[in-house]
Amino acid sequence: MHQIEQDGKPFIGVELGCDWEAEHGIGILLHGEKPLEIGGADTAILLWFAKKHLREQS
């Protein structure tokens, strides 16, 4: 869970393993329960992905 939120909802990163990308896995960035971005594992863990979406909504 990232340390920023918007409208009372947190930005949450979920990192998953997958067969087709065993080294890096897959990452999903959520705002509350809404998926914002899907990519490599870094999509879930890097704060700047969440900040980018926060700026776009402001």
PDB file of N, CA and C in Angstrom:
ATOM      1  N   MET A   1       0.848  -1.155   0.000  1.00  0.00           N
ATOM      2  CA  MET A   1       0.000   0.000   0.000  1.00  0.00           C
ATOM      3  C   MET A   1       0.906   1.233   0.000  1.00  0.00           C
ATOM      4  N   HIS A   2       0.628   2.145  -0.917  1.00  0.00           N
ATOM      5  CA  HIS A   2       1.445   3.358  -1.006  1.00  0.00           C
ATOM      6  C   HIS A   2       1.002   4.379   0.046  1.00  0.00           C
ATOM      7  N   GLN A   3       1.878   5.307   0.350  1.00  0.00           N
ATOM      8  CA  GLN A   3       1.611   6.276   1.410  1.00  0.00           C
ATOM      9  C   GLN A   3       0.778   7.464   0.939  1.00  0.00           C
ATOM     10  N   ILE A   4       0.237   7.422  -0.257  1.00  0.00           N
ATOM     11  CA  ILE A   4      -0.634   8.488  -0.738  1.00  0.00           C
ATOM     12  C   ILE A   4      -2.023   7.922  -1.014  1.00  0.00           C
ATOM     13  N   GLU A   5      -3.009   8.812  -0.975  1.00  0.00           N
ATOM     14  CA  GLU A   5      -4.381   8.400  -1.260  1.00  0.00           C
ATOM     15  C   GLU A   5      -5.090   9.552  -1.960  1.00  0.00           C
ATOM     16  N   GLN A   6      -6.251   9.269  -2.484  1.00  0.00           N
ATOM     17  CA  GLN A   6      -7.081  10.279  -3.126  1.00  0.00           C
ATOM     18  C   GLN A   6      -8.538   9.924  -2.859  1.00  0.00           C
ATOM     19  N   ASP A   7      -9.331  10.904  -2.476  1.00  0.00           N
ATOM     20  CA  ASP A   7     -10.750  10.703  -2.186  1.00  0.00           C
ATOM     21  C   ASP A   7     -10.974   9.597  -1.146  1.00  0.00           C
ATOM     22  N   GLY A   8     -10.051   9.509  -0.185  1.00  0.00           N
ATOM     23  CA  GLY A   8     -10.188   8.513   0.869  1.00  0.00           C
ATOM     24  C   GLY A   8      -9.853   7.093   0.461  1.00  0.00           C
ATOM     25  N   LYS A   9      -9.364   6.920  -0.768  1.00  0.00           N
ATOM     26  CA  LYS A   9      -9.004   5.581  -1.255  1.00  0.00           C
ATOM     27  C   LYS A   9      -7.490   5.487  -1.427  1.00  0.00           C
ATOM     28  N   PRO A  10      -6.888   4.401  -0.957  1.00  0.00           N
ATOM     29  CA  PRO A  10      -5.436   4.245  -1.090  1.00  0.00           C
ATOM     30  C   PRO A  10      -5.047   3.771  -2.489  1.00  0.00           C
ATOM     31  N   PHE A  11      -3.800   4.041  -2.829  1.00  0.00           N
ATOM     32  CA  PHE A  11      -3.192   3.438  -4.012  1.00  0.00           C
ATOM     33  C   PHE A  11      -2.524   2.162  -3.525  1.00  0.00           C
ATOM     34  N   ILE A  12      -2.832   1.058  -4.178  1.00  0.00           N
ATOM     35  CA  ILE A  12      -2.351  -0.257  -3.745  1.00  0.00           C
ATOM     36  C   ILE A  12      -1.635  -0.932  -4.920  1.00  0.00           C
ATOM     37  N   GLY A  13      -0.483  -1.480  -4.648  1.00  0.00           N
ATOM     38  CA  GLY A  13       0.255  -2.238  -5.648  1.00  0.00           C
ATOM     39  C   GLY A  13       0.194  -3.723  -5.334  1.00  0.00           C
ATOM     40  N   VAL A  14      -0.081  -4.522  -6.353  1.00  0.00           N
ATOM     41  CA  VAL A  14      -0.139  -5.977  -6.191  1.00  0.00           C
ATOM     42  C   VAL A  14       0.886  -6.589  -7.140  1.00  0.00           C
ATOM     43  N   GLU A  15       1.769  -7.380  -6.595  1.00  0.00           N
ATOM     44  CA  GLU A  15       2.798  -8.054  -7.402  1.00  0.00           C
ATOM     45  C   GLU A  15       2.484  -9.546  -7.441  1.00  0.00           C
ATOM     46  N   LEU A  16       2.484 -10.116  -8.640  1.00  0.00           N
ATOM     47  CA  LEU A  16       2.147 -11.520  -8.836  1.00  0.00           C
ATOM     48  C   LEU A  16       3.231 -12.224  -9.648  1.00  0.00           C
ATOM     49  N   GLY A  17       3.403 -13.488  -9.417  1.00  0.00           N
ATOM     50  CA  GLY A  17       4.267 -14.299 -10.258  1.00  0.00           C
ATOM     51  C   GLY A  17       3.475 -14.804 -11.455  1.00  0.00           C
ATOM     52  N   CYS A  18       4.159 -15.087 -12.536  1.00  0.00           N
ATOM     53  CA  CYS A  18       3.482 -15.637 -13.706  1.00  0.00           C
ATOM     54  C   CYS A  18       4.459 -16.506 -14.502  1.00  0.00           C
ATOM     55  N   ASP A  19       3.946 -17.482 -15.216  1.00  0.00           N
ATOM     56  CA  ASP A  19       4.776 -18.421 -15.970  1.00  0.00           C
ATOM     57  C   ASP A  19       5.508 -17.766 -17.134  1.00  0.00           C
ATOM     58  N   TRP A  20       4.880 -16.812 -17.799  1.00  0.00           N
ATOM     59  CA  TRP A  20       5.479 -16.221 -18.998  1.00  0.00           C
ATOM     60  C   TRP A  20       6.536 -15.165 -18.692  1.00  0.00           C
ATOM     61  N   GLU A  21       6.628 -14.711 -17.440  1.00  0.00           N
ATOM     62  CA  GLU A  21       7.653 -13.741 -17.043  1.00  0.00           C
ATOM     63  C   GLU A  21       8.119 -14.072 -15.629  1.00  0.00           C
ATOM     64  N   ALA A  22       8.797 -15.199 -15.529  1.00  0.00           N
ATOM     65  CA  ALA A  22       9.184 -15.732 -14.219  1.00  0.00           C
ATOM     66  C   ALA A  22      10.140 -14.806 -13.467  1.00  0.00           C
ATOM     67  N   GLU A  23      11.002 -14.097 -14.180  1.00  0.00           N
ATOM     68  CA  GLU A  23      11.995 -13.253 -13.519  1.00  0.00           C
ATOM     69  C   GLU A  23      11.385 -11.987 -12.922  1.00  0.00           C
ATOM     70  N   HIS A  24      10.480 -11.338 -13.629  1.00  0.00           N
ATOM     71  CA  HIS A  24       9.955 -10.051 -13.183  1.00  0.00           C
ATOM     72  C   HIS A  24       8.510 -10.097 -12.701  1.00  0.00           C
ATOM     73  N   GLY A  25       7.763 -11.074 -13.065  1.00  0.00           N
ATOM     74  CA  GLY A  25       6.366 -11.169 -12.647  1.00  0.00           C
ATOM     75  C   GLY A  25       5.504 -10.090 -13.279  1.00  0.00           C
ATOM     76  N   ILE A  26       4.366  -9.848 -12.677  1.00  0.00           N
ATOM     77  CA  ILE A  26       3.424  -8.859 -13.173  1.00  0.00           C
ATOM     78  C   ILE A  26       3.022  -7.972 -11.995  1.00  0.00           C
ATOM     79  N   GLY A  27       2.797  -6.707 -12.276  1.00  0.00           N
ATOM     80  CA  GLY A  27       2.381  -5.769 -11.239  1.00  0.00           C
ATOM     81  C   GLY A  27       1.118  -5.039 -11.657  1.00  0.00           C
ATOM     82  N   ILE A  28       0.267  -4.789 -10.680  1.00  0.00           N
ATOM     83  CA  ILE A  28      -0.980  -4.073 -10.929  1.00  0.00           C
ATOM     84  C   ILE A  28      -1.070  -2.937  -9.912  1.00  0.00           C
ATOM     85  N   LEU A  29      -1.357  -1.739 -10.399  1.00  0.00           N
ATOM     86  CA  LEU A  29      -1.574  -0.595  -9.526  1.00  0.00           C
ATOM     87  C   LEU A  29      -3.070  -0.330  -9.467  1.00  0.00           C
ATOM     88  N   LEU A  30      -3.596  -0.278  -8.247  1.00  0.00           N
ATOM     89  CA  LEU A  30      -5.027  -0.050  -8.025  1.00  0.00           C
ATOM     90  C   LEU A  30      -5.237   1.261  -7.275  1.00  0.00           C
ATOM     91  N   HIS A  31      -6.346   1.922  -7.550  1.00  0.00           N
ATOM     92  CA  HIS A  31      -6.812   3.029  -6.709  1.00  0.00           C
ATOM     93  C   HIS A  31      -8.119   2.552  -6.113  1.00  0.00           C
ATOM     94  N   GLY A  32      -8.079   2.218  -4.829  1.00  0.00           N
ATOM     95  CA  GLY A  32      -9.213   1.516  -4.238  1.00  0.00           C
ATOM     96  C   GLY A  32      -9.298   0.151  -4.898  1.00  0.00           C
ATOM     97  N   GLU A  33     -10.403  -0.126  -5.575  1.00  0.00           N
ATOM     98  CA  GLU A  33     -10.525  -1.406  -6.282  1.00  0.00           C
ATOM     99  C   GLU A  33     -10.468  -1.235  -7.796  1.00  0.00           C
ATOM    100  N   LYS A  34     -10.163  -0.030  -8.259  1.00  0.00           N
ATOM    101  CA  LYS A  34     -10.089   0.248  -9.699  1.00  0.00           C
ATOM    102  C   LYS A  34      -8.659   0.052 -10.207  1.00  0.00           C
ATOM    103  N   PRO A  35      -8.446  -0.850 -11.174  1.00  0.00           N
ATOM    104  CA  PRO A  35      -7.099  -1.018 -11.739  1.00  0.00           C
ATOM    105  C   PRO A  35      -6.724   0.192 -12.596  1.00  0.00           C
ATOM    106  N   LEU A  36      -5.520   0.719 -12.363  1.00  0.00           N
ATOM    107  CA  LEU A  36      -5.043   1.885 -13.100  1.00  0.00           C
ATOM    108  C   LEU A  36      -3.989   1.525 -14.131  1.00  0.00           C
ATOM    109  N   GLU A  37      -3.133   0.583 -13.777  1.00  0.00           N
ATOM    110  CA  GLU A  37      -2.013   0.248 -14.649  1.00  0.00           C
ATOM    111  C   GLU A  37      -1.589  -1.193 -14.397  1.00  0.00           C
ATOM    112  N   ILE A  38      -1.234  -1.874 -15.475  1.00  0.00           N
ATOM    113  CA  ILE A  38      -0.737  -3.250 -15.402  1.00  0.00           C
ATOM    114  C   ILE A  38       0.568  -3.304 -16.166  1.00  0.00           C
ATOM    115  N   GLY A  39       1.575  -3.917 -15.583  1.00  0.00           N
ATOM    116  CA  GLY A  39       2.875  -4.009 -16.240  1.00  0.00           C
ATOM    117  C   GLY A  39       3.774  -4.961 -15.476  1.00  0.00           C
ATOM    118  N   GLY A  40       5.066  -4.679 -15.518  1.00  0.00           N
ATOM    119  CA  GLY A  40       6.031  -5.474 -14.764  1.00  0.00           C
ATOM    120  C   GLY A  40       5.853  -5.255 -13.274  1.00  0.00           C
ATOM    121  N   ALA A  41       6.536  -6.035 -12.468  1.00  0.00           N
ATOM    122  CA  ALA A  41       6.399  -5.956 -11.021  1.00  0.00           C
ATOM    123  C   ALA A  41       6.630  -4.542 -10.492  1.00  0.00           C
ATOM    124  N   ASP A  42       7.499  -3.763 -11.136  1.00  0.00           N
ATOM    125  CA  ASP A  42       7.771  -2.401 -10.669  1.00  0.00           C
ATOM    126  C   ASP A  42       6.540  -1.506 -10.737  1.00  0.00           C
ATOM    127  N   THR A  43       5.584  -1.835 -11.585  1.00  0.00           N
ATOM    128  CA  THR A  43       4.337  -1.071 -11.669  1.00  0.00           C
ATOM    129  C   THR A  43       3.627  -1.062 -10.314  1.00  0.00           C
ATOM    130  N   ALA A  44       3.735  -2.131  -9.585  1.00  0.00           N
ATOM    131  CA  ALA A  44       3.072  -2.252  -8.281  1.00  0.00           C
ATOM    132  C   ALA A  44       3.833  -1.554  -7.168  1.00  0.00           C
ATOM    133  N   ILE A  45       5.158  -1.533  -7.242  1.00  0.00           N
ATOM    134  CA  ILE A  45       5.934  -1.103  -6.076  1.00  0.00           C
ATOM    135  C   ILE A  45       6.498   0.309  -6.148  1.00  0.00           C
ATOM    136  N   LEU A  46       6.606   0.890  -7.334  1.00  0.00           N
ATOM    137  CA  LEU A  46       7.206   2.217  -7.441  1.00  0.00           C
ATOM    138  C   LEU A  46       6.179   3.318  -7.200  1.00  0.00           C
ATOM    139  N   LEU A  47       6.474   4.184  -6.242  1.00  0.00           N
ATOM    140  CA  LEU A  47       5.557   5.245  -5.851  1.00  0.00           C
ATOM    141  C   LEU A  47       5.274   6.218  -6.988  1.00  0.00           C
ATOM    142  N   TRP A  48       6.231   6.432  -7.886  1.00  0.00           N
ATOM    143  CA  TRP A  48       6.005   7.431  -8.937  1.00  0.00           C
ATOM    144  C   TRP A  48       4.873   7.032  -9.879  1.00  0.00           C
ATOM    145  N   PHE A  49       4.575   5.750 -10.021  1.00  0.00           N
ATOM    146  CA  PHE A  49       3.412   5.339 -10.826  1.00  0.00           C
ATOM    147  C   PHE A  49       2.125   5.871 -10.178  1.00  0.00           C
ATOM    148  N   ALA A  50       1.997   5.727  -8.867  1.00  0.00           N
ATOM    149  CA  ALA A  50       0.820   6.221  -8.154  1.00  0.00           C
ATOM    150  C   ALA A  50       0.753   7.748  -8.210  1.00  0.00           C
ATOM    151  N   LYS A  51       1.894   8.423  -8.021  1.00  0.00           N
ATOM    152  CA  LYS A  51       1.917   9.897  -8.084  1.00  0.00           C
ATOM    153  C   LYS A  51       1.515  10.397  -9.464  1.00  0.00           C
ATOM    154  N   LYS A  52       1.915   9.692 -10.504  1.00  0.00           N
ATOM    155  CA  LYS A  52       1.536  10.071 -11.877  1.00  0.00           C
ATOM    156  C   LYS A  52       0.019  10.070 -12.025  1.00  0.00           C
ATOM    157  N   HIS A  53      -0.631   9.043 -11.541  1.00  0.00           N
ATOM    158  CA  HIS A  53      -2.092   8.962 -11.638  1.00  0.00           C
ATOM    159  C   HIS A  53      -2.770  10.010 -10.747  1.00  0.00           C
ATOM    160  N   LEU A  54      -2.172  10.303  -9.617  1.00  0.00           N
ATOM    161  CA  LEU A  54      -2.708  11.323  -8.726  1.00  0.00           C
ATOM    162  C   LEU A  54      -2.680  12.688  -9.422  1.00  0.00           C
ATOM    163  N   ARG A  55      -1.571  13.017 -10.075  1.00  0.00           N
ATOM    164  CA  ARG A  55      -1.458  14.293 -10.803  1.00  0.00           C
ATOM    165  C   ARG A  55      -2.452  14.365 -11.960  1.00  0.00           C
ATOM    166  N   GLU A  56      -2.638  13.260 -12.666  1.00  0.00           N
ATOM    167  CA  GLU A  56      -3.554  13.237 -13.808  1.00  0.00           C
ATOM    168  C   GLU A  56      -4.996  13.471 -13.390  1.00  0.00           C
ATOM    169  N   GLN A  57      -5.360  13.094 -12.166  1.00  0.00           N
ATOM    170  CA  GLN A  57      -6.730  13.253 -11.691  1.00  0.00           C
ATOM    171  C   GLN A  57      -6.973  14.628 -11.070  1.00  0.00           C
ATOM    172  N   SER A  58      -5.907  15.361 -10.776  1.00  0.00           N
ATOM    173  CA  SER A  58      -6.051  16.679 -10.128  1.00  0.00           C
ATOM    174  C   SER A  58      -6.323  17.764 -11.134  1.00  0.00           C
TER     175      SER A  58
END
